[in-house]
Amino acid sequence: MSDISELMARRERLLGPNVSTFYRDPVHIVRGEGVWLWDADGRKYLDCYNNVPHVGHCHLKVVEAIARQAAILNTHTRYLHEGILDYIEALTAKFDDSLTSAIMVCSGSEANDVALRMAQAATGNTGFISTDMTYHGNTALVTQLSTRKPPIGGYLPNLRHVPAPDSVRPLGGKPGADFARAYTVEVEKAVASLDAAGHGVACLIICPFFANEGFPDLPKGFLDGAIAAVRRAGGVIIADEVQPGFGRIGSHWWGHERMGFVPEIVTLGKPMGNGHPVAAVVAGHDTLSAFRNAFGYFNTFGGNPVSCAAAMAVLQVIDDECLIENARDVGAYALERMRDLQTKHSVIGDVRGAGLFFGAEMVLDEAMTPATAYTERVVEGMKARGILLNRLGFEYATLKIRPPMVFSRENADLLIDTLDEVLTSIPVSA
């Protein structure tokens, strides 16, 4: 029997206070396989949240690749080794021909930190633009990009935040061209402000799926005007693919492909090694060279042979098991069932997503007032019934469903049937 209170007390004593956990009563997870997790008491949970085990918890081919390479060699990249070169060749083959080179790191935070400095080195400008509800990691530089927890000492003078796109409450008052134009205007204002302050524009950094912003339903080309404004000012575009990348959206390998643009810099992380800590920054050779020449950057563990073996196995499994096609098929099925659920439960204000990244925004009324507290109760109710998911977006009122890529139609039925039960059992006014 797991003693959660004892574990939490040890955790606070050894890790410090306020280390985040999911759920009011945290889950003590001890084992995983595929889309399933088990707690210390033997209870089984359907994992509808984790994109870290991208090809499924403890996938045998990834485990074997890690063990095999660890039994031969693991060291840093100041020695020559084919593993990192073979992997980067395989990885960049999944991108546009302009994105040919990569720097290997250990986390998405590191990748975005490098990418921001790479943008400065490539452009000679110092200004950054990000959305106000984003999350790109937790280094001192990268934490500046979000307004959710203002940094000690305030924001950098060379940073501008623009309003996050929201397809339920769109800038400009309505979706479509007006919505896109309103977003472009906000980016143009940020560009002008940075130019006036003498910083210039180094980059606009975005998740092309706007995952943490609540993955709004945006048309292809929505970003065209904003991207053009940044490039006219001499800046580049950084696409943070940590959440939508590696085929999760079902239609493409990368979120920026779905949105119809090619960035100058791409960052990768979480799902890249199926839980092994590996990440990367992908760019054109000239862009990457500018960074290499401007900074004496070295990462001890980035690109080590074991990490590259894990990452290569993930690429191979995605292709061999047709997981992008699975994401497209199961995701479309799940969205259709979610929309059926919307006709039954008026608290569901919007259903949206792509591939195996989808969810529903909960609202209190026809004015689309976010049902924040209710959404939290739904998450807790799902957990109590053995389904793990979470929430994010505007006022944290959107259910976030992002399971491993081996998620099946049968898993989707269990998820949505259970969600139906929970919505029925929790009155909106409670």
Protein backbone atom coordinates (compact mmCIF):
# COMPACT_ATOMS: atom_id res chain seq x y z
CA MET A 1 0.00 0.00 0.00
CA SER A 2 1.44 3.36 -1.06
CA ASP A 3 1.67 6.03 1.64
CA ILE A 4 1.15 9.21 -0.38
CA SER A 5 1.44 11.55 2.60
CA GLU A 6 4.81 10.08 3.59
CA LEU A 7 6.10 10.36 0.02
CA MET A 8 4.91 13.97 -0.21
CA ALA A 9 6.64 14.83 3.07
CA ARG A 10 9.91 13.27 1.85
CA ARG A 11 9.53 15.05 -1.46
CA GLU A 12 9.15 18.46 0.19
CA ARG A 13 12.06 17.80 2.55
CA LEU A 14 14.42 16.57 -0.17
CA LEU A 15 13.27 18.50 -3.25
CA GLY A 16 11.96 21.66 -1.59
CA PRO A 17 8.44 23.13 -1.41
CA ASN A 18 6.06 23.72 -4.29
CA VAL A 19 7.43 20.99 -6.57
CA SER A 20 4.46 20.50 -8.84
CA THR A 21 2.41 17.32 -8.99
CA PHE A 22 -0.73 16.42 -10.90
CA TYR A 23 -4.02 16.04 -9.02
CA ARG A 24 -5.11 16.88 -5.48
CA ASP A 25 -4.04 13.40 -4.39
CA PRO A 26 -0.91 12.68 -6.47
CA VAL A 27 -0.55 9.34 -8.23
CA HIS A 28 2.40 7.12 -7.21
CA ILE A 29 3.30 5.59 -10.57
CA VAL A 30 5.65 2.59 -10.59
CA ARG A 31 5.28 0.97 -14.02
CA GLY A 32 4.25 1.73 -17.59
CA GLU A 33 3.58 -0.16 -20.81
CA GLY A 34 2.15 1.21 -24.05
CA VAL A 35 -0.70 3.56 -23.11
CA TRP A 36 -1.03 2.19 -19.56
CA LEU A 37 0.40 3.17 -16.20
CA TRP A 38 0.18 1.34 -12.87
CA ASP A 39 0.41 2.84 -9.40
CA ALA A 40 2.05 1.34 -6.32
CA ASP A 41 -1.24 -0.28 -5.30
CA GLY A 42 -1.57 -2.05 -8.65
CA ARG A 43 -4.26 0.21 -10.06
CA LYS A 44 -4.20 0.63 -13.84
CA TYR A 45 -4.59 4.03 -15.54
CA LEU A 46 -5.11 4.95 -19.19
CA ASP A 47 -2.48 7.58 -19.97
CA CYS A 48 -4.14 10.29 -22.07
CA TYR A 49 -1.62 12.99 -21.26
CA ASN A 50 2.02 12.01 -21.72
CA ASN A 51 3.79 12.93 -24.94
CA VAL A 52 7.14 11.96 -23.43
CA PRO A 53 6.65 8.20 -24.08
CA HIS A 54 5.82 9.14 -27.66
CA VAL A 55 5.79 5.61 -29.08
CA GLY A 56 4.41 4.10 -25.86
CA HIS A 57 5.77 3.57 -22.37
CA CYS A 58 8.79 1.25 -22.32
CA HIS A 59 8.67 0.42 -26.03
CA LEU A 60 10.84 -2.67 -26.43
CA LYS A 61 12.80 -1.41 -29.46
CA VAL A 62 13.75 1.83 -27.68
CA VAL A 63 14.66 0.00 -24.47
CA GLU A 64 16.82 -2.44 -26.43
CA ALA A 65 18.56 0.37 -28.34
CA ILE A 66 19.42 2.16 -25.08
CA ALA A 67 20.68 -1.00 -23.39
CA ARG A 68 22.69 -2.12 -26.41
CA GLN A 69 24.53 1.19 -26.80
CA ALA A 70 25.02 1.65 -23.05
CA ALA A 71 26.77 -1.72 -22.97
CA ILE A 72 29.25 -0.56 -25.64
CA LEU A 73 30.03 3.12 -25.10
CA ASN A 74 28.67 6.38 -23.76
CA THR A 75 30.68 9.59 -23.82
CA HIS A 76 30.51 13.16 -25.11
CA THR A 77 30.83 14.64 -28.60
CA ARG A 78 34.43 15.80 -28.31
CA TYR A 79 35.27 12.32 -29.45
CA LEU A 80 34.21 11.25 -32.94
CA HIS A 81 31.26 8.89 -33.16
CA GLU A 82 28.99 7.93 -36.07
CA GLY A 83 25.86 7.73 -33.93
CA ILE A 84 25.23 11.47 -33.72
CA LEU A 85 25.91 11.94 -37.45
CA ASP A 86 23.66 9.05 -38.49
CA TYR A 87 20.88 10.40 -36.31
CA ILE A 88 21.06 13.99 -37.53
CA GLU A 89 21.04 12.78 -41.13
CA ALA A 90 17.92 10.72 -40.42
CA LEU A 91 16.27 13.55 -38.47
CA THR A 92 16.91 16.37 -40.96
CA ALA A 93 15.60 14.14 -43.77
CA LYS A 94 12.18 14.72 -42.16
CA PHE A 95 12.47 18.50 -42.65
CA ASP A 96 12.51 21.00 -45.49
CA ASP A 97 15.73 20.98 -47.51
CA SER A 98 16.75 24.31 -45.93
CA LEU A 99 17.02 22.71 -42.45
CA THR A 100 20.16 20.61 -42.71
CA SER A 101 22.06 20.80 -39.41
CA ALA A 102 21.43 20.33 -35.70
CA ILE A 103 22.80 20.87 -32.21
CA MET A 104 21.98 18.07 -29.77
CA VAL A 105 21.06 19.01 -26.19
CA CYS A 106 19.23 17.32 -23.29
CA SER A 107 15.93 19.16 -22.89
CA GLY A 108 13.48 21.42 -24.67
CA SER A 109 14.44 24.23 -22.28
CA GLU A 110 18.07 23.98 -23.39
CA ALA A 111 16.99 23.78 -27.03
CA ASN A 112 14.94 26.97 -26.81
CA ASP A 113 17.68 28.79 -24.89
CA VAL A 114 20.14 27.91 -27.66
CA ALA A 115 17.60 28.85 -30.35
CA LEU A 116 17.07 32.34 -28.94
CA ARG A 117 20.80 33.00 -28.91
CA MET A 118 21.12 31.45 -32.37
CA ALA A 119 18.53 33.95 -33.65
CA GLN A 120 20.54 36.82 -32.21
CA ALA A 121 23.76 35.53 -33.74
CA ALA A 122 22.16 34.98 -37.14
CA THR A 123 20.43 38.38 -37.34
CA GLY A 124 22.60 40.72 -35.29
CA ASN A 125 19.42 41.87 -33.52
CA THR A 126 18.51 41.19 -29.90
CA GLY A 127 14.71 41.51 -29.65
CA PHE A 128 12.39 38.57 -28.92
CA ILE A 129 8.64 38.21 -29.51
CA SER A 130 6.47 35.51 -27.90
CA THR A 131 2.82 35.05 -26.98
CA ASP A 132 1.64 35.94 -23.50
CA MET A 133 0.34 32.45 -22.60
CA THR A 134 3.16 30.35 -23.96
CA TYR A 135 5.62 27.99 -22.30
CA HIS A 136 9.01 27.24 -23.79
CA GLY A 137 10.96 25.92 -20.81
CA ASN A 138 12.65 27.01 -17.61
CA THR A 139 16.12 28.47 -18.14
CA ALA A 140 16.62 32.05 -16.94
CA LEU A 141 16.28 33.33 -20.51
CA VAL A 142 13.42 31.11 -21.65
CA THR A 143 11.20 31.76 -18.61
CA GLN A 144 11.03 35.38 -19.75
CA LEU A 145 8.88 34.32 -22.69
CA SER A 146 5.74 33.58 -20.66
CA THR A 147 3.66 35.92 -18.49
CA ARG A 148 2.21 33.16 -16.34
CA LYS A 149 4.84 33.60 -13.64
CA PRO A 150 6.63 36.95 -13.96
CA PRO A 151 10.40 36.67 -13.35
CA ILE A 152 12.12 38.23 -10.35
CA GLY A 153 13.33 41.68 -11.40
CA GLY A 154 10.85 41.96 -14.25
CA TYR A 155 11.00 41.24 -17.95
CA LEU A 156 13.94 41.89 -20.25
CA PRO A 157 13.80 45.23 -22.10
CA ASN A 158 14.34 43.41 -25.42
CA LEU A 159 11.24 41.21 -25.06
CA ARG A 160 7.70 41.84 -26.28
CA HIS A 161 4.63 39.67 -25.60
CA VAL A 162 1.71 39.51 -28.02
CA PRO A 163 -1.78 38.17 -27.20
CA ALA A 164 -2.13 34.44 -27.72
CA PRO A 165 -4.50 33.40 -30.51
CA ASP A 166 -7.89 32.29 -29.18
CA SER A 167 -10.35 30.84 -31.69
CA VAL A 168 -13.24 31.00 -29.19
CA ARG A 169 -12.66 34.67 -28.30
CA PRO A 170 -10.70 35.85 -31.36
CA LEU A 171 -8.85 39.10 -31.71
CA GLY A 172 -10.78 41.26 -34.12
CA GLY A 173 -14.07 39.83 -32.86
CA LYS A 174 -14.52 37.00 -35.34
CA PRO A 175 -12.57 34.14 -36.91
CA GLY A 176 -11.14 34.08 -40.42
CA ALA A 177 -9.18 36.82 -42.15
CA ASP A 178 -10.02 39.45 -39.53
CA PHE A 179 -8.68 37.18 -36.79
CA ALA A 180 -5.41 36.57 -38.63
CA ARG A 181 -5.03 40.25 -39.45
CA ALA A 182 -5.61 41.24 -35.81
CA TYR A 183 -2.86 38.87 -34.71
CA THR A 184 -0.53 40.23 -37.40
CA VAL A 185 -1.18 43.78 -36.16
CA GLU A 186 -0.10 42.79 -32.65
CA VAL A 187 3.13 41.33 -34.01
CA GLU A 188 3.71 44.44 -36.13
CA LYS A 189 3.30 46.57 -32.99
CA ALA A 190 5.90 44.44 -31.18
CA VAL A 191 8.28 44.74 -34.14
CA ALA A 192 7.89 48.54 -34.20
CA SER A 193 8.42 48.77 -30.44
CA LEU A 194 11.61 46.71 -30.54
CA ASP A 195 12.93 48.74 -33.49
CA ALA A 196 12.13 52.01 -31.73
CA ALA A 197 13.97 50.84 -28.63
CA GLY A 198 17.06 49.99 -30.68
CA HIS A 199 16.90 46.24 -30.15
CA GLY A 200 15.69 45.18 -33.56
CA VAL A 201 13.94 41.84 -34.02
CA ALA A 202 15.90 38.63 -33.64
CA CYS A 203 12.92 36.28 -33.68
CA LEU A 204 9.32 35.38 -33.15
CA ILE A 205 9.24 32.13 -31.15
CA ILE A 206 6.04 30.10 -31.30
CA CYS A 207 4.67 26.63 -30.87
CA PRO A 208 3.02 26.24 -34.30
CA PHE A 209 0.15 24.34 -32.63
CA PHE A 210 -0.09 26.94 -29.82
CA ALA A 211 -0.36 23.99 -27.46
CA ASN A 212 -0.10 25.73 -24.10
CA GLU A 213 -2.32 28.53 -25.33
CA GLY A 214 -5.14 25.97 -25.65
CA PHE A 215 -4.41 24.72 -29.20
CA PRO A 216 -6.86 27.13 -30.89
CA ASP A 217 -8.44 26.14 -34.18
CA LEU A 218 -6.41 28.17 -36.67
CA PRO A 219 -6.54 27.98 -40.47
CA LYS A 220 -3.49 27.21 -42.58
CA GLY A 221 -1.82 30.52 -43.39
CA PHE A 222 -2.98 32.18 -40.16
CA LEU A 223 0.62 33.10 -39.33
CA ASP A 224 1.64 34.32 -42.78
CA GLY A 225 1.24 38.02 -42.04
CA ALA A 226 3.01 37.83 -38.67
CA ILE A 227 5.88 35.85 -40.15
CA ALA A 228 6.25 38.32 -43.01
CA ALA A 229 6.37 41.23 -40.55
CA VAL A 230 9.17 39.59 -38.56
CA ARG A 231 11.19 38.73 -41.65
CA ARG A 232 10.81 42.23 -43.10
CA ALA A 233 12.38 43.51 -39.90
CA GLY A 234 15.34 41.15 -40.30
CA GLY A 235 14.17 38.53 -37.79
CA VAL A 236 13.72 34.78 -38.02
CA ILE A 237 11.04 32.32 -36.91
CA ILE A 238 11.65 29.70 -34.23
CA ALA A 239 9.14 26.83 -34.27
CA ASP A 240 9.00 25.00 -30.95
CA GLU A 241 7.93 21.50 -31.99
CA VAL A 242 8.30 19.89 -28.56
CA GLN A 243 4.55 19.20 -28.38
CA PRO A 244 3.18 18.99 -31.96
CA GLY A 245 6.26 17.38 -33.52
CA PHE A 246 7.15 13.84 -34.53
CA GLY A 247 3.79 13.24 -36.19
CA ARG A 248 1.52 13.88 -33.24
CA ILE A 249 -0.89 16.05 -35.26
CA GLY A 250 -1.52 13.15 -37.67
CA SER A 251 -1.33 15.09 -40.94
CA HIS A 252 2.38 16.00 -40.94
CA TRP A 253 5.62 15.29 -39.13
CA TRP A 254 5.74 18.88 -37.83
CA GLY A 255 3.29 21.52 -36.71
CA HIS A 256 4.84 24.20 -38.92
CA GLU A 257 4.10 22.07 -42.00
CA ARG A 258 0.44 21.97 -41.03
CA MET A 259 0.44 25.77 -40.68
CA GLY A 260 2.09 26.20 -44.07
CA PHE A 261 5.48 27.79 -43.32
CA VAL A 262 9.14 26.86 -43.01
CA PRO A 263 10.93 28.28 -39.96
CA GLU A 264 14.60 29.17 -39.84
CA ILE A 265 15.06 27.34 -36.52
CA VAL A 266 13.19 24.37 -35.02
CA THR A 267 13.43 23.10 -31.44
CA LEU A 268 12.67 19.55 -30.33
CA GLY A 269 12.47 17.83 -26.97
CA LYS A 270 10.17 15.65 -24.85
CA PRO A 271 9.04 12.91 -27.28
CA MET A 272 12.36 12.71 -29.11
CA GLY A 273 13.84 9.89 -26.99
CA ASN A 274 10.62 8.34 -25.62
CA GLY A 275 11.56 9.41 -22.11
CA HIS A 276 15.32 9.42 -22.50
CA PRO A 277 16.54 13.05 -22.01
CA VAL A 278 17.40 14.12 -25.53
CA ALA A 279 16.53 17.29 -27.47
CA ALA A 280 17.80 19.30 -30.42
CA VAL A 281 17.90 22.57 -32.33
CA VAL A 282 17.55 22.16 -36.10
CA ALA A 283 18.56 24.95 -38.49
CA GLY A 284 20.18 25.73 -41.79
CA HIS A 285 23.96 25.41 -41.89
CA ASP A 286 24.59 29.17 -42.08
CA THR A 287 22.25 29.89 -39.17
CA LEU A 288 23.81 27.21 -37.01
CA SER A 289 27.31 28.32 -38.00
CA ALA A 290 26.56 31.89 -36.90
CA PHE A 291 25.72 30.54 -33.44
CA ARG A 292 28.80 28.33 -33.32
CA ASN A 293 30.99 31.28 -34.22
CA ALA A 294 29.36 33.65 -31.71
CA PHE A 295 29.18 31.33 -28.68
CA GLY A 296 31.61 28.81 -27.25
CA TYR A 297 28.81 26.32 -26.76
CA PHE A 298 29.34 22.75 -25.62
CA ASN A 299 26.88 20.34 -24.01
CA THR A 300 28.47 17.42 -22.15
CA PHE A 301 25.58 15.01 -22.54
CA GLY A 302 23.95 16.42 -25.68
CA GLY A 303 24.28 13.96 -28.55
CA ASN A 304 25.92 11.20 -26.52
CA PRO A 305 25.78 7.77 -28.18
CA VAL A 306 23.06 6.38 -25.89
CA SER A 307 20.78 9.40 -26.44
CA CYS A 308 21.25 9.16 -30.18
CA ALA A 309 20.48 5.43 -30.12
CA ALA A 310 17.24 6.12 -28.23
CA ALA A 311 16.26 8.93 -30.61
CA MET A 312 17.05 6.86 -33.71
CA ALA A 313 14.91 4.02 -32.40
CA VAL A 314 12.00 6.45 -31.95
CA LEU A 315 12.26 7.62 -35.57
CA GLN A 316 12.32 4.02 -36.77
CA VAL A 317 9.33 2.98 -34.66
CA ILE A 318 7.24 5.94 -35.88
CA ASP A 319 7.85 4.83 -39.47
CA ASP A 320 7.74 1.05 -38.95
CA GLU A 321 4.51 1.10 -36.94
CA CYS A 322 2.82 3.80 -39.09
CA LEU A 323 2.17 5.90 -36.00
CA ILE A 324 1.47 9.13 -37.88
CA GLU A 325 -1.28 7.35 -39.79
CA ASN A 326 -2.56 5.96 -36.49
CA ALA A 327 -2.62 9.46 -35.00
CA ARG A 328 -4.61 10.70 -37.98
CA ASP A 329 -7.14 7.86 -37.85
CA VAL A 330 -7.64 7.60 -34.08
CA GLY A 331 -7.54 11.37 -33.62
CA ALA A 332 -10.28 11.94 -36.22
CA TYR A 333 -12.38 9.21 -34.61
CA ALA A 334 -11.91 10.68 -31.14
CA LEU A 335 -12.79 14.20 -32.31
CA GLU A 336 -15.98 12.91 -33.96
CA ARG A 337 -17.00 11.19 -30.72
CA MET A 338 -16.11 14.31 -28.71
CA ARG A 339 -18.35 16.41 -30.95
CA ASP A 340 -21.18 13.95 -30.39
CA LEU A 341 -20.59 14.42 -26.67
CA GLN A 342 -20.81 18.20 -27.15
CA THR A 343 -24.42 17.88 -28.34
CA LYS A 344 -25.26 16.14 -25.05
CA HIS A 345 -23.38 18.37 -22.60
CA SER A 346 -23.81 22.14 -22.96
CA VAL A 347 -20.78 22.74 -20.73
CA ILE A 348 -18.60 21.73 -23.69
CA GLY A 349 -18.20 25.02 -25.49
CA ASP A 350 -15.69 23.92 -28.11
CA VAL A 351 -14.06 20.72 -29.34
CA ARG A 352 -10.80 21.02 -31.25
CA GLY A 353 -7.43 19.50 -32.00
CA ALA A 354 -5.51 17.48 -34.58
CA GLY A 355 -4.27 13.93 -34.54
CA LEU A 356 -3.53 12.72 -31.04
CA PHE A 357 -3.62 16.19 -29.51
CA PHE A 358 -7.21 17.24 -28.87
CA GLY A 359 -9.58 18.37 -26.16
CA ALA A 360 -12.64 20.34 -25.17
CA GLU A 361 -13.06 23.81 -23.70
CA MET A 362 -15.52 23.98 -20.83
CA VAL A 363 -17.76 27.04 -20.52
CA LEU A 364 -20.41 28.20 -18.08
CA ASP A 365 -22.78 29.95 -20.47
CA GLU A 366 -23.44 31.08 -24.04
CA ALA A 367 -21.07 33.99 -23.49
CA MET A 368 -18.31 31.33 -23.35
CA THR A 369 -17.28 32.18 -19.79
CA PRO A 370 -14.49 29.71 -18.99
CA ALA A 371 -15.49 27.01 -16.49
CA THR A 372 -12.15 26.86 -14.72
CA ALA A 373 -13.16 25.25 -11.43
CA TYR A 374 -15.49 22.84 -13.21
CA THR A 375 -12.73 21.73 -15.57
CA GLU A 376 -10.49 20.98 -12.61
CA ARG A 377 -13.24 18.81 -11.11
CA VAL A 378 -13.58 16.97 -14.40
CA VAL A 379 -9.85 16.22 -14.46
CA GLU A 380 -10.05 14.91 -10.90
CA GLY A 381 -13.15 12.87 -11.74
CA MET A 382 -11.41 11.27 -14.70
CA LYS A 383 -8.41 10.39 -12.56
CA ALA A 384 -10.70 8.78 -9.98
CA ARG A 385 -12.02 6.55 -12.79
CA GLY A 386 -8.55 5.60 -14.05
CA ILE A 387 -8.08 8.12 -16.88
CA LEU A 388 -5.16 10.56 -16.72
CA LEU A 389 -5.43 13.89 -18.55
CA ASN A 390 -5.01 17.55 -17.69
CA ARG A 391 -6.06 21.11 -18.55
CA LEU A 392 -4.54 24.27 -20.01
CA GLY A 393 -5.37 27.28 -22.18
CA PHE A 394 -7.38 30.39 -21.33
CA GLU A 395 -8.20 30.28 -17.60
CA TYR A 396 -7.15 26.60 -17.64
CA ALA A 397 -10.60 25.61 -18.85
CA THR A 398 -9.58 23.35 -21.75
CA LEU A 399 -9.09 19.61 -21.31
CA LYS A 400 -5.71 18.57 -22.70
CA ILE A 401 -5.65 15.09 -24.22
CA ARG A 402 -2.28 14.06 -25.64
CA PRO A 403 -1.71 10.31 -25.29
CA PRO A 404 1.14 8.14 -26.58
CA MET A 405 1.02 7.60 -30.33
CA VAL A 406 -0.02 3.96 -29.98
CA PHE A 407 -3.42 5.08 -28.65
CA SER A 408 -6.21 3.05 -30.28
CA ARG A 409 -9.88 3.53 -31.12
CA GLU A 410 -10.68 1.20 -28.23
CA ASN A 411 -8.67 3.48 -25.92
CA ALA A 412 -10.51 6.49 -27.34
CA ASP A 413 -13.87 4.83 -26.62
CA LEU A 414 -12.84 4.21 -23.00
CA LEU A 415 -11.70 7.82 -22.66
CA ILE A 416 -14.84 9.38 -24.11
CA ASP A 417 -17.32 7.01 -22.48
CA THR A 418 -15.70 7.81 -19.15
CA LEU A 419 -15.76 11.54 -19.88
CA ASP A 420 -19.48 11.22 -20.60
CA GLU A 421 -19.97 9.61 -17.18
CA VAL A 422 -17.96 12.31 -15.42
CA LEU A 423 -19.76 15.19 -17.13
CA THR A 424 -23.08 13.62 -16.24
CA SER A 425 -22.09 13.13 -12.62
CA ILE A 426 -20.72 16.65 -11.96
CA PRO A 427 -23.32 19.43 -12.08
CA VAL A 428 -22.02 22.59 -13.70
CA SER A 429 -23.19 24.70 -10.76
CA ALA A 430 -21.35 22.54 -8.21
